[in-house]
C-alpha atoms as a PDB file:
ATOM      1  CA  UNK A   1       1.411  15.625   7.779  1.00  0.00           C
ATOM      2  CA  UNK A   2      -0.742  14.549   4.809  1.00  0.00           C
ATOM      3  CA  UNK A   3       1.873  12.485   2.978  1.00  0.00           C
ATOM      4  CA  UNK A   4       3.167  10.865   6.158  1.00  0.00           C
ATOM      5  CA  UNK A   5      -0.177   9.115   6.555  1.00  0.00           C
ATOM      6  CA  UNK A   6      -1.489   9.039   3.013  1.00  0.00           C
ATOM      7  CA  UNK A   7       1.455   7.010   1.717  1.00  0.00           C
ATOM      8  CA  UNK A   8       1.642   4.448   4.525  1.00  0.00           C
ATOM      9  CA  UNK A   9      -0.349   1.910   2.533  1.00  0.00           C
ATOM     10  CA  UNK A  10       1.345   2.357  -0.838  1.00  0.00           C
ATOM     11  CA  UNK A  11       3.964  -0.423  -0.566  1.00  0.00           C
ATOM     12  CA  UNK A  12       2.234  -3.249   1.200  1.00  0.00           C
ATOM     13  CA  UNK A  13      -1.257  -4.713   0.951  1.00  0.00           C
ATOM     14  CA  UNK A  14      -2.699  -3.327   4.170  1.00  0.00           C
ATOM     15  CA  UNK A  15      -6.487  -3.606   4.291  1.00  0.00           C
ATOM     16  CA  UNK A  16      -6.914  -1.275   7.296  1.00  0.00           C
ATOM     17  CA  UNK A  17      -4.913   1.804   8.218  1.00  0.00           C
ATOM     18  CA  UNK A  18      -5.465   4.402  10.905  1.00  0.00           C
ATOM     19  CA  UNK A  19      -3.361   7.513  10.946  1.00  0.00           C
ATOM     20  CA  UNK A  20      -3.860  10.611  13.062  1.00  0.00           C
ATOM     21  CA  UNK A  21      -1.631  13.531  12.168  1.00  0.00           C
ATOM     22  CA  UNK A  22      -1.562  16.818  14.020  1.00  0.00           C
ATOM     23  CA  UNK A  23       0.089  20.082  13.163  1.00  0.00           C
ATOM     24  CA  UNK A  24       0.756  22.077  16.314  1.00  0.00           C
ATOM     25  CA  UNK A  25       1.849  25.699  16.478  1.00  0.00           C
ATOM     26  CA  UNK A  26       4.692  26.218  18.925  1.00  0.00           C
ATOM     27  CA  UNK A  27       7.363  28.823  19.493  1.00  0.00           C
ATOM     28  CA  UNK A  28      10.044  26.300  18.478  1.00  0.00           C
ATOM     29  CA  UNK A  29      11.523  25.924  14.980  1.00  0.00           C
ATOM     30  CA  UNK A  30      10.384  22.920  12.973  1.00  0.00           C
ATOM     31  CA  UNK A  31      12.613  19.859  13.153  1.00  0.00           C
ATOM     32  CA  UNK A  32      13.068  17.297  10.425  1.00  0.00           C
ATOM     33  CA  UNK A  33      13.164  17.630   6.682  1.00  0.00           C
ATOM     34  CA  UNK A  34      12.318  21.086   5.391  1.00  0.00           C
ATOM     35  CA  UNK A  35      11.919  19.875   1.802  1.00  0.00           C
ATOM     36  CA  UNK A  36      10.717  16.617   0.386  1.00  0.00           C
ATOM     37  CA  UNK A  37       7.708  14.438   0.639  1.00  0.00           C
ATOM     38  CA  UNK A  38       7.456  13.869   4.384  1.00  0.00           C
ATOM     39  CA  UNK A  39       7.265  10.081   4.444  1.00  0.00           C
ATOM     40  CA  UNK A  40      10.853   9.272   5.431  1.00  0.00           C
ATOM     41  CA  UNK A  41      10.411   9.297   9.221  1.00  0.00           C
ATOM     42  CA  UNK A  42       7.152   7.341   9.129  1.00  0.00           C
ATOM     43  CA  UNK A  43       8.592   4.853   6.618  1.00  0.00           C
ATOM     44  CA  UNK A  44      11.640   4.288   8.869  1.00  0.00           C
ATOM     45  CA  UNK A  45       9.367   3.529  11.829  1.00  0.00           C
ATOM     46  CA  UNK A  46       7.152   1.227   9.739  1.00  0.00           C
ATOM     47  CA  UNK A  47      10.076  -0.715   8.252  1.00  0.00           C
ATOM     48  CA  UNK A  48      11.656  -1.026  11.725  1.00  0.00           C
ATOM     49  CA  UNK A  49       8.384  -2.508  13.003  1.00  0.00           C
ATOM     50  CA  UNK A  50       8.405  -5.026  10.141  1.00  0.00           C
ATOM     51  CA  UNK A  51      11.893  -6.115  11.231  1.00  0.00           C
ATOM     52  CA  UNK A  52      10.703  -6.498  14.838  1.00  0.00           C
ATOM     53  CA  UNK A  53       7.655  -8.514  13.721  1.00  0.00           C
ATOM     54  CA  UNK A  54       9.847 -10.747  11.549  1.00  0.00           C
ATOM     55  CA  UNK A  55      12.208 -11.360  14.491  1.00  0.00           C
ATOM     56  CA  UNK A  56       9.341 -12.137  16.890  1.00  0.00           C
ATOM     57  CA  UNK A  57       7.814 -14.602  14.379  1.00  0.00           C
ATOM     58  CA  UNK A  58      11.239 -15.972  13.403  1.00  0.00           C
ATOM     59  CA  UNK A  59      10.660 -15.012   9.766  1.00  0.00           C
ATOM     60  CA  UNK A  60      13.128 -13.731   7.206  1.00  0.00           C
ATOM     61  CA  UNK A  61      12.667  -9.916   6.979  1.00  0.00           C
ATOM     62  CA  UNK A  62      12.828 -10.115   3.170  1.00  0.00           C
ATOM     63  CA  UNK A  63      10.187 -12.854   3.132  1.00  0.00           C
ATOM     64  CA  UNK A  64       7.751 -10.906   5.327  1.00  0.00           C
ATOM     65  CA  UNK A  65       8.085  -7.955   2.954  1.00  0.00           C
ATOM     66  CA  UNK A  66       7.585 -10.094  -0.160  1.00  0.00           C
ATOM     67  CA  UNK A  67       4.528 -11.772   1.370  1.00  0.00           C
ATOM     68  CA  UNK A  68       2.812  -8.444   2.005  1.00  0.00           C
ATOM     69  CA  UNK A  69       3.600  -6.492  -1.183  1.00  0.00           C
ATOM     70  CA  UNK A  70       0.823  -4.998  -3.283  1.00  0.00           C
ATOM     71  CA  UNK A  71      -0.409  -7.007  -6.245  1.00  0.00           C
ATOM     72  CA  UNK A  72      -1.162  -4.603  -9.110  1.00  0.00           C
ATOM     73  CA  UNK A  73      -3.307  -3.533 -10.711  1.00  0.00           C
ATOM     74  CA  UNK A  74      -4.953  -2.445  -7.475  1.00  0.00           C
ATOM     75  CA  UNK A  75      -6.258   0.469  -5.489  1.00  0.00           C
ATOM     76  CA  UNK A  76      -4.799   0.943  -2.017  1.00  0.00           C
ATOM     77  CA  UNK A  77      -6.914   1.315   1.104  1.00  0.00           C
ATOM     78  CA  UNK A  78      -6.724   5.109   0.767  1.00  0.00           C
ATOM     79  CA  UNK A  79      -7.487   5.277  -2.949  1.00  0.00           C
ATOM     80  CA  UNK A  80      -4.072   5.304  -4.648  1.00  0.00           C
ATOM     81  CA  UNK A  81      -4.295   3.587  -8.029  1.00  0.00           C
ATOM     82  CA  UNK A  82      -1.291   1.293  -8.630  1.00  0.00           C
ATOM     83  CA  UNK A  83      -1.008   0.007 -12.190  1.00  0.00           C
ATOM     84  CA  UNK A  84       2.671  -0.972 -12.240  1.00  0.00           C
ATOM     85  CA  UNK A  85       4.967  -1.812  -9.394  1.00  0.00           C
ATOM     86  CA  UNK A  86       8.576  -2.962  -9.652  1.00  0.00           C
ATOM     87  CA  UNK A  87       9.160  -3.510  -5.942  1.00  0.00           C
ATOM     88  CA  UNK A  88       8.920  -7.344  -5.974  1.00  0.00           C
ATOM     89  CA  UNK A  89      11.634  -7.526  -8.644  1.00  0.00           C
ATOM     90  CA  UNK A  90      13.694  -4.901  -6.798  1.00  0.00           C
ATOM     91  CA  UNK A  91      13.572  -6.875  -3.528  1.00  0.00           C
ATOM     92  CA  UNK A  92      14.577 -10.055  -5.375  1.00  0.00           C
ATOM     93  CA  UNK A  93      17.545  -8.312  -7.021  1.00  0.00           C
ATOM     94  CA  UNK A  94      18.702  -6.764  -3.727  1.00  0.00           C
ATOM     95  CA  UNK A  95      18.453 -10.112  -1.934  1.00  0.00           C
ATOM     96  CA  UNK A  96      20.465 -11.820  -4.662  1.00  0.00           C
ATOM     97  CA  UNK A  97      23.097  -9.098  -5.135  1.00  0.00           C
ATOM     98  CA  UNK A  98      23.681  -8.639  -1.391  1.00  0.00           C
ATOM     99  CA  UNK A  99      24.154 -12.342  -0.698  1.00  0.00           C
ATOM    100  CA  UNK A 100      21.253 -12.040   1.762  1.00  0.00           C
ATOM    101  CA  UNK A 101      20.672 -15.782   2.138  1.00  0.00           C
ATOM    102  CA  UNK A 102      24.350 -16.544   2.759  1.00  0.00           C
ATOM    103  CA  UNK A 103      25.315 -13.489   4.852  1.00  0.00           C
ATOM    104  CA  UNK A 104      22.280 -12.547   6.983  1.00  0.00           C
ATOM    105  CA  UNK A 105      22.995 -13.270  10.650  1.00  0.00           C
ATOM    106  CA  UNK A 106      26.517 -14.508   9.913  1.00  0.00           C
ATOM    107  CA  UNK A 107      28.522 -11.276   9.857  1.00  0.00           C
ATOM    108  CA  UNK A 108      31.124 -10.361  12.515  1.00  0.00           C
ATOM    109  CA  UNK A 109      30.049  -8.737  15.790  1.00  0.00           C
ATOM    110  CA  UNK A 110      28.884  -5.157  15.240  1.00  0.00           C
ATOM    111  CA  UNK A 111      28.087  -5.650  11.558  1.00  0.00           C
ATOM    112  CA  UNK A 112      24.771  -6.463  10.012  1.00  0.00           C
ATOM    113  CA  UNK A 113      22.759  -6.702   6.859  1.00  0.00           C
ATOM    114  CA  UNK A 114      19.400  -4.995   6.587  1.00  0.00           C
ATOM    115  CA  UNK A 115      16.599  -4.411   4.142  1.00  0.00           C
ATOM    116  CA  UNK A 116      13.978  -1.683   4.013  1.00  0.00           C
ATOM    117  CA  UNK A 117      11.639  -0.413   1.315  1.00  0.00           C
ATOM    118  CA  UNK A 118      10.385   3.048   0.523  1.00  0.00           C
ATOM    119  CA  UNK A 119       8.590   4.808  -2.292  1.00  0.00           C
ATOM    120  CA  UNK A 120       7.001   7.924  -3.558  1.00  0.00           C
ATOM    121  CA  UNK A 121       3.985   8.313  -5.767  1.00  0.00           C
ATOM    122  CA  UNK A 122       4.112   9.153  -9.426  1.00  0.00           C
ATOM    123  CA  UNK A 123       1.004   8.601 -11.527  1.00  0.00           C
ATOM    124  CA  UNK A 124      -0.833   6.984  -8.618  1.00  0.00           C
ATOM    125  CA  UNK A 125      -1.603  10.136  -6.659  1.00  0.00           C
ATOM    126  CA  UNK A 126      -5.022  11.660  -6.455  1.00  0.00           C
ATOM    127  CA  UNK A 127      -5.119  15.077  -8.003  1.00  0.00           C
ATOM    128  CA  UNK A 128      -7.130  17.983  -6.661  1.00  0.00           C
ATOM    129  CA  UNK A 129      -9.666  17.353  -9.435  1.00  0.00           C
ATOM    130  CA  UNK A 130     -10.651  13.686  -9.180  1.00  0.00           C
ATOM    131  CA  UNK A 131     -10.917  11.848 -12.492  1.00  0.00           C
ATOM    132  CA  UNK A 132     -10.132   8.536 -14.150  1.00  0.00           C
ATOM    133  CA  UNK A 133      -7.509  10.176 -16.374  1.00  0.00           C
ATOM    134  CA  UNK A 134      -3.781   9.590 -15.756  1.00  0.00           C
ATOM    135  CA  UNK A 135      -2.254  12.233 -13.527  1.00  0.00           C
ATOM    136  CA  UNK A 136       1.221  12.179 -15.012  1.00  0.00           C
ATOM    137  CA  UNK A 137       1.465  12.400 -18.762  1.00  0.00           C
ATOM    138  CA  UNK A 138       4.044  13.063 -21.455  1.00  0.00           C
ATOM    139  CA  UNK A 139       3.613  14.155 -25.045  1.00  0.00           C
ATOM    140  CA  UNK A 140       6.208  13.021 -27.543  1.00  0.00           C
ATOM    141  CA  UNK A 141       6.991  14.753 -30.854  1.00  0.00           C
ATOM    142  CA  UNK A 142       9.201  13.084 -33.447  1.00  0.00           C
ATOM    143  CA  UNK A 143      10.894  15.636 -35.702  1.00  0.00           C
ATOM    144  CA  UNK A 144      11.611  15.159 -39.416  1.00  0.00           C
ATOM    145  CA  UNK A 145      15.316  14.674 -38.629  1.00  0.00           C
ATOM    146  CA  UNK A 146      14.533  11.775 -36.275  1.00  0.00           C
ATOM    147  CA  UNK A 147      14.989  13.792 -33.112  1.00  0.00           C
ATOM    148  CA  UNK A 148      12.518  13.218 -30.314  1.00  0.00           C
ATOM    149  CA  UNK A 149      11.139  16.005 -28.118  1.00  0.00           C
ATOM    150  CA  UNK A 150       9.459  15.040 -24.859  1.00  0.00           C
ATOM    151  CA  UNK A 151       7.004  17.431 -23.204  1.00  0.00           C
ATOM    152  CA  UNK A 152       6.111  16.748 -19.587  1.00  0.00           C
ATOM    153  CA  UNK A 153       4.742  18.636 -16.626  1.00  0.00           C
ATOM    154  CA  UNK A 154       7.274  17.033 -14.281  1.00  0.00           C
ATOM    155  CA  UNK A 155       9.315  19.716 -12.570  1.00  0.00           C
ATOM    156  CA  UNK A 156      13.042  19.024 -12.564  1.00  0.00           C
ATOM    157  CA  UNK A 157      14.325  20.156  -9.170  1.00  0.00           C
ATOM    158  CA  UNK A 158      17.423  17.990  -9.033  1.00  0.00           C
ATOM    159  CA  UNK A 159      15.808  14.589  -8.604  1.00  0.00           C
ATOM    160  CA  UNK A 160      16.620  13.414 -12.131  1.00  0.00           C
ATOM    161  CA  UNK A 161      13.142  13.403 -13.673  1.00  0.00           C
ATOM    162  CA  UNK A 162      14.367  14.903 -16.980  1.00  0.00           C
ATOM    163  CA  UNK A 163      17.056  12.230 -17.370  1.00  0.00           C
ATOM    164  CA  UNK A 164      14.739   9.398 -16.333  1.00  0.00           C
ATOM    165  CA  UNK A 165      12.006  10.535 -18.731  1.00  0.00           C
ATOM    166  CA  UNK A 166      14.478  10.751 -21.638  1.00  0.00           C
ATOM    167  CA  UNK A 167      15.861   7.284 -20.801  1.00  0.00           C
ATOM    168  CA  UNK A 168      12.386   5.719 -20.771  1.00  0.00           C
ATOM    169  CA  UNK A 169      11.429   7.362 -24.076  1.00  0.00           C
ATOM    170  CA  UNK A 170      14.699   6.266 -25.731  1.00  0.00           C
ATOM    171  CA  UNK A 171      14.235   2.691 -24.508  1.00  0.00           C
ATOM    172  CA  UNK A 172      10.583   2.433 -25.581  1.00  0.00           C
ATOM    173  CA  UNK A 173      11.225   3.991 -28.998  1.00  0.00           C
ATOM    174  CA  UNK A 174      14.473   2.048 -29.477  1.00  0.00           C
ATOM    175  CA  UNK A 175      16.494   5.141 -30.307  1.00  0.00           C
ATOM    176  CA  UNK A 176      19.714   6.657 -29.028  1.00  0.00           C
ATOM    177  CA  UNK A 177      19.399   8.712 -25.866  1.00  0.00           C
ATOM    178  CA  UNK A 178      21.277  11.459 -27.720  1.00  0.00           C
ATOM    179  CA  UNK A 179      18.236  11.830 -30.037  1.00  0.00           C
ATOM    180  CA  UNK A 180      15.885  12.658 -27.129  1.00  0.00           C
ATOM    181  CA  UNK A 181      15.521  16.270 -25.930  1.00  0.00           C
END
């Protein structure tokens, strides 16, 4: 319930958001995702509304998204600090690689081309103890043999955080990924 509303304003520059979430005890089993961050259903509804708005205004769905993206560094309406944000570049690459301009609205009956954006927080989230310190940190140790050890509090539960962290460290340090543990 928390993340469904708290993350609504973390993609687009929305100056005002109202979200009412209710948890209700019933004798029925829960439906929907039993693991994960809880924003998928709300994000689907939001992105679908953006498509409907674009159609009603006769605007390109990619253009309406680009026009309303966050402009970092910024703080969202609900206090998420956004210092970096690759979504504008991602949208541009998707539009180019998909042939969006040439193909949108011109595919055979029953086929279409769509675009939607989603996200999840990393260092932007507010921790239980509020502070101005970064909330996601890594410590890097370079060994005498040139090996690099990365220490992080990120929990690897199958989402690829260990691999991604090692790739970033290798790229920034300009060393082989094989040297990073």
